[in-house]
Amino acid sequence: MWTLVLIKWEGKGNRVDKVQESISQFVKHFAEKGIPESVSAQAYCLLQENLPVPRDFPLSPSDDFCDAFGIVDEDLELLVEDLAWFFNRCLPTKSFSGRRKPVIRTVDDIVIYIYSLPNK
């Protein structure tokens, strides 16, 4: 059985507008939590570059790393380490498998966690 699916092409300009809108919403979300725009906007770009999604895929703070991106365990730990390095933050000396393992499930969790770490 065949199903006909009609797709409305919105053009590249509209995709760019949607990405800009997504970044604005992302930044606003974190501004309400006291995280500067410079940090949240850069985190958005870095996550887009490091997640297995198209460059213009809009990210949401509620995106779950496992469900949305298939990222778990060591891959998530590496992502945290990469973001901490980029933002010049110090990770705890104990590994994430130790007693002080942070609970990071969503984009919101990782941005807040990275921002909460002390500067190097």
C-alpha atoms as a PDB file:
ATOM      1  CA  MET A   1       0.000   0.000   0.000  1.00  0.00           C
ATOM      2  CA  TRP A   2       1.319   3.426  -0.958  1.00  0.00           C
ATOM      3  CA  THR A   3       0.653   6.628   0.922  1.00  0.00           C
ATOM      4  CA  LEU A   4       1.007   9.987  -0.731  1.00  0.00           C
ATOM      5  CA  VAL A   5       2.630  12.563   1.497  1.00  0.00           C
ATOM      6  CA  LEU A   6       2.646  16.193   0.489  1.00  0.00           C
ATOM      7  CA  ILE A   7       5.487  18.259   1.852  1.00  0.00           C
ATOM      8  CA  LYS A   8       5.390  22.011   1.729  1.00  0.00           C
ATOM      9  CA  TRP A   9       8.864  23.383   1.067  1.00  0.00           C
ATOM     10  CA  GLU A  10       9.309  26.515   3.104  1.00  0.00           C
ATOM     11  CA  GLY A  11      12.651  27.510   1.693  1.00  0.00           C
ATOM     12  CA  LYS A  12      15.967  28.016   3.415  1.00  0.00           C
ATOM     13  CA  GLY A  13      15.149  31.513   4.659  1.00  0.00           C
ATOM     14  CA  ASN A  14      12.302  30.238   6.776  1.00  0.00           C
ATOM     15  CA  ARG A  15      14.505  27.540   8.325  1.00  0.00           C
ATOM     16  CA  VAL A  16      17.005  30.204   9.309  1.00  0.00           C
ATOM     17  CA  ASP A  17      14.206  32.229  10.871  1.00  0.00           C
ATOM     18  CA  LYS A  18      13.108  29.167  12.856  1.00  0.00           C
ATOM     19  CA  VAL A  19      16.649  28.561  14.095  1.00  0.00           C
ATOM     20  CA  GLN A  20      16.991  32.208  15.140  1.00  0.00           C
ATOM     21  CA  GLU A  21      13.650  31.965  16.934  1.00  0.00           C
ATOM     22  CA  SER A  22      14.828  28.781  18.640  1.00  0.00           C
ATOM     23  CA  ILE A  23      18.072  30.418  19.799  1.00  0.00           C
ATOM     24  CA  SER A  24      16.102  33.403  21.127  1.00  0.00           C
ATOM     25  CA  GLN A  25      13.779  31.135  23.087  1.00  0.00           C
ATOM     26  CA  PHE A  26      16.760  29.122  24.355  1.00  0.00           C
ATOM     27  CA  VAL A  27      18.573  32.255  25.543  1.00  0.00           C
ATOM     28  CA  LYS A  28      15.413  33.628  27.159  1.00  0.00           C
ATOM     29  CA  HIS A  29      14.858  30.347  29.012  1.00  0.00           C
ATOM     30  CA  PHE A  30      18.319  30.466  30.564  1.00  0.00           C
ATOM     31  CA  ALA A  31      18.225  34.222  31.213  1.00  0.00           C
ATOM     32  CA  GLU A  32      15.258  33.521  33.481  1.00  0.00           C
ATOM     33  CA  LYS A  33      17.577  31.184  35.407  1.00  0.00           C
ATOM     34  CA  GLY A  34      20.322  33.812  35.703  1.00  0.00           C
ATOM     35  CA  ILE A  35      22.580  32.452  32.964  1.00  0.00           C
ATOM     36  CA  PRO A  36      24.058  35.186  30.736  1.00  0.00           C
ATOM     37  CA  GLU A  37      23.088  35.338  27.070  1.00  0.00           C
ATOM     38  CA  SER A  38      26.725  34.966  26.048  1.00  0.00           C
ATOM     39  CA  VAL A  39      26.922  31.600  27.815  1.00  0.00           C
ATOM     40  CA  SER A  40      23.582  30.171  26.696  1.00  0.00           C
ATOM     41  CA  ALA A  41      23.961  31.290  23.065  1.00  0.00           C
ATOM     42  CA  GLN A  42      27.449  29.788  22.879  1.00  0.00           C
ATOM     43  CA  ALA A  43      26.224  26.590  24.559  1.00  0.00           C
ATOM     44  CA  TYR A  44      23.451  26.352  21.948  1.00  0.00           C
ATOM     45  CA  CYS A  45      25.965  26.591  19.096  1.00  0.00           C
ATOM     46  CA  LEU A  46      28.389  24.141  20.701  1.00  0.00           C
ATOM     47  CA  LEU A  47      25.650  21.610  21.365  1.00  0.00           C
ATOM     48  CA  GLN A  48      24.459  21.867  17.775  1.00  0.00           C
ATOM     49  CA  GLU A  49      28.008  21.211  16.589  1.00  0.00           C
ATOM     50  CA  ASN A  50      28.519  18.250  18.929  1.00  0.00           C
ATOM     51  CA  LEU A  51      25.150  16.511  18.764  1.00  0.00           C
ATOM     52  CA  PRO A  52      24.139  14.149  15.975  1.00  0.00           C
ATOM     53  CA  VAL A  53      21.640  16.596  14.459  1.00  0.00           C
ATOM     54  CA  PRO A  54      21.620  18.795  11.349  1.00  0.00           C
ATOM     55  CA  ARG A  55      23.216  22.212  11.905  1.00  0.00           C
ATOM     56  CA  ASP A  56      19.860  23.975  11.588  1.00  0.00           C
ATOM     57  CA  PHE A  57      18.015  21.575  13.904  1.00  0.00           C
ATOM     58  CA  PRO A  58      16.382  23.665  16.657  1.00  0.00           C
ATOM     59  CA  LEU A  59      17.379  22.675  20.189  1.00  0.00           C
ATOM     60  CA  SER A  60      15.169  22.969  23.227  1.00  0.00           C
ATOM     61  CA  PRO A  61      16.197  23.022  26.898  1.00  0.00           C
ATOM     62  CA  SER A  62      13.823  20.105  27.458  1.00  0.00           C
ATOM     63  CA  ASP A  63      15.513  17.855  24.857  1.00  0.00           C
ATOM     64  CA  ASP A  64      16.526  14.596  26.537  1.00  0.00           C
ATOM     65  CA  PHE A  65      20.016  13.418  25.556  1.00  0.00           C
ATOM     66  CA  CYS A  66      19.052   9.743  25.499  1.00  0.00           C
ATOM     67  CA  ASP A  67      15.629  10.038  23.863  1.00  0.00           C
ATOM     68  CA  ALA A  68      16.326  12.843  21.401  1.00  0.00           C
ATOM     69  CA  PHE A  69      19.966  12.188  20.504  1.00  0.00           C
ATOM     70  CA  GLY A  70      20.831   8.661  21.675  1.00  0.00           C
ATOM     71  CA  ILE A  71      23.606   9.989  23.912  1.00  0.00           C
ATOM     72  CA  VAL A  72      24.228   8.177  27.195  1.00  0.00           C
ATOM     73  CA  ASP A  73      26.944   7.258  29.668  1.00  0.00           C
ATOM     74  CA  GLU A  74      30.474   7.831  28.356  1.00  0.00           C
ATOM     75  CA  ASP A  75      29.323   9.901  25.381  1.00  0.00           C
ATOM     76  CA  LEU A  76      27.411  12.225  27.694  1.00  0.00           C
ATOM     77  CA  GLU A  77      30.397  12.406  30.022  1.00  0.00           C
ATOM     78  CA  LEU A  78      32.626  13.391  27.086  1.00  0.00           C
ATOM     79  CA  LEU A  79      30.145  16.079  26.048  1.00  0.00           C
ATOM     80  CA  VAL A  80      30.213  17.509  29.587  1.00  0.00           C
ATOM     81  CA  GLU A  81      34.015  17.471  29.568  1.00  0.00           C
ATOM     82  CA  ASP A  82      34.139  19.206  26.174  1.00  0.00           C
ATOM     83  CA  LEU A  83      31.747  21.951  27.273  1.00  0.00           C
ATOM     84  CA  ALA A  84      33.580  22.433  30.573  1.00  0.00           C
ATOM     85  CA  TRP A  85      36.860  22.766  28.660  1.00  0.00           C
ATOM     86  CA  PHE A  86      35.385  25.256  26.208  1.00  0.00           C
ATOM     87  CA  PHE A  87      33.906  27.428  28.970  1.00  0.00           C
ATOM     88  CA  ASN A  88      37.132  27.120  31.010  1.00  0.00           C
ATOM     89  CA  ARG A  89      35.355  25.445  33.944  1.00  0.00           C
ATOM     90  CA  CYS A  90      36.731  22.977  36.492  1.00  0.00           C
ATOM     91  CA  LEU A  91      35.066  19.594  36.726  1.00  0.00           C
ATOM     92  CA  PRO A  92      34.990  17.812  40.090  1.00  0.00           C
ATOM     93  CA  THR A  93      38.027  15.619  40.650  1.00  0.00           C
ATOM     94  CA  LYS A  94      35.946  12.475  41.139  1.00  0.00           C
ATOM     95  CA  SER A  95      34.761  10.797  37.969  1.00  0.00           C
ATOM     96  CA  PHE A  96      31.085  10.857  37.118  1.00  0.00           C
ATOM     97  CA  SER A  97      30.904   7.194  38.145  1.00  0.00           C
ATOM     98  CA  GLY A  98      31.811   8.239  41.696  1.00  0.00           C
ATOM     99  CA  ARG A  99      29.475   9.312  44.494  1.00  0.00           C
ATOM    100  CA  ARG A 100      29.095  12.886  43.228  1.00  0.00           C
ATOM    101  CA  LYS A 101      27.667  12.032  39.818  1.00  0.00           C
ATOM    102  CA  PRO A 102      25.568  14.911  38.472  1.00  0.00           C
ATOM    103  CA  VAL A 103      22.134  14.113  37.121  1.00  0.00           C
ATOM    104  CA  ILE A 104      22.250  15.254  33.510  1.00  0.00           C
ATOM    105  CA  ARG A 105      19.393  14.131  31.324  1.00  0.00           C
ATOM    106  CA  THR A 106      18.425  17.209  29.330  1.00  0.00           C
ATOM    107  CA  VAL A 107      19.972  20.164  27.555  1.00  0.00           C
ATOM    108  CA  ASP A 108      18.724  22.294  30.455  1.00  0.00           C
ATOM    109  CA  ASP A 109      20.633  20.103  32.926  1.00  0.00           C
ATOM    110  CA  ILE A 110      23.941  20.326  31.067  1.00  0.00           C
ATOM    111  CA  VAL A 111      23.864  24.106  30.560  1.00  0.00           C
ATOM    112  CA  ILE A 112      22.992  24.742  34.203  1.00  0.00           C
ATOM    113  CA  TYR A 113      25.620  22.266  35.382  1.00  0.00           C
ATOM    114  CA  ILE A 114      28.398  23.721  33.244  1.00  0.00           C
ATOM    115  CA  TYR A 115      27.517  27.261  34.338  1.00  0.00           C
ATOM    116  CA  SER A 116      27.542  26.188  37.996  1.00  0.00           C
ATOM    117  CA  LEU A 117      31.128  24.883  37.817  1.00  0.00           C
ATOM    118  CA  PRO A 118      33.921  27.115  39.077  1.00  0.00           C
ATOM    119  CA  ASN A 119      36.199  28.857  36.589  1.00  0.00           C
ATOM    120  CA  LYS A 120      39.705  27.505  36.140  1.00  0.00           C
END
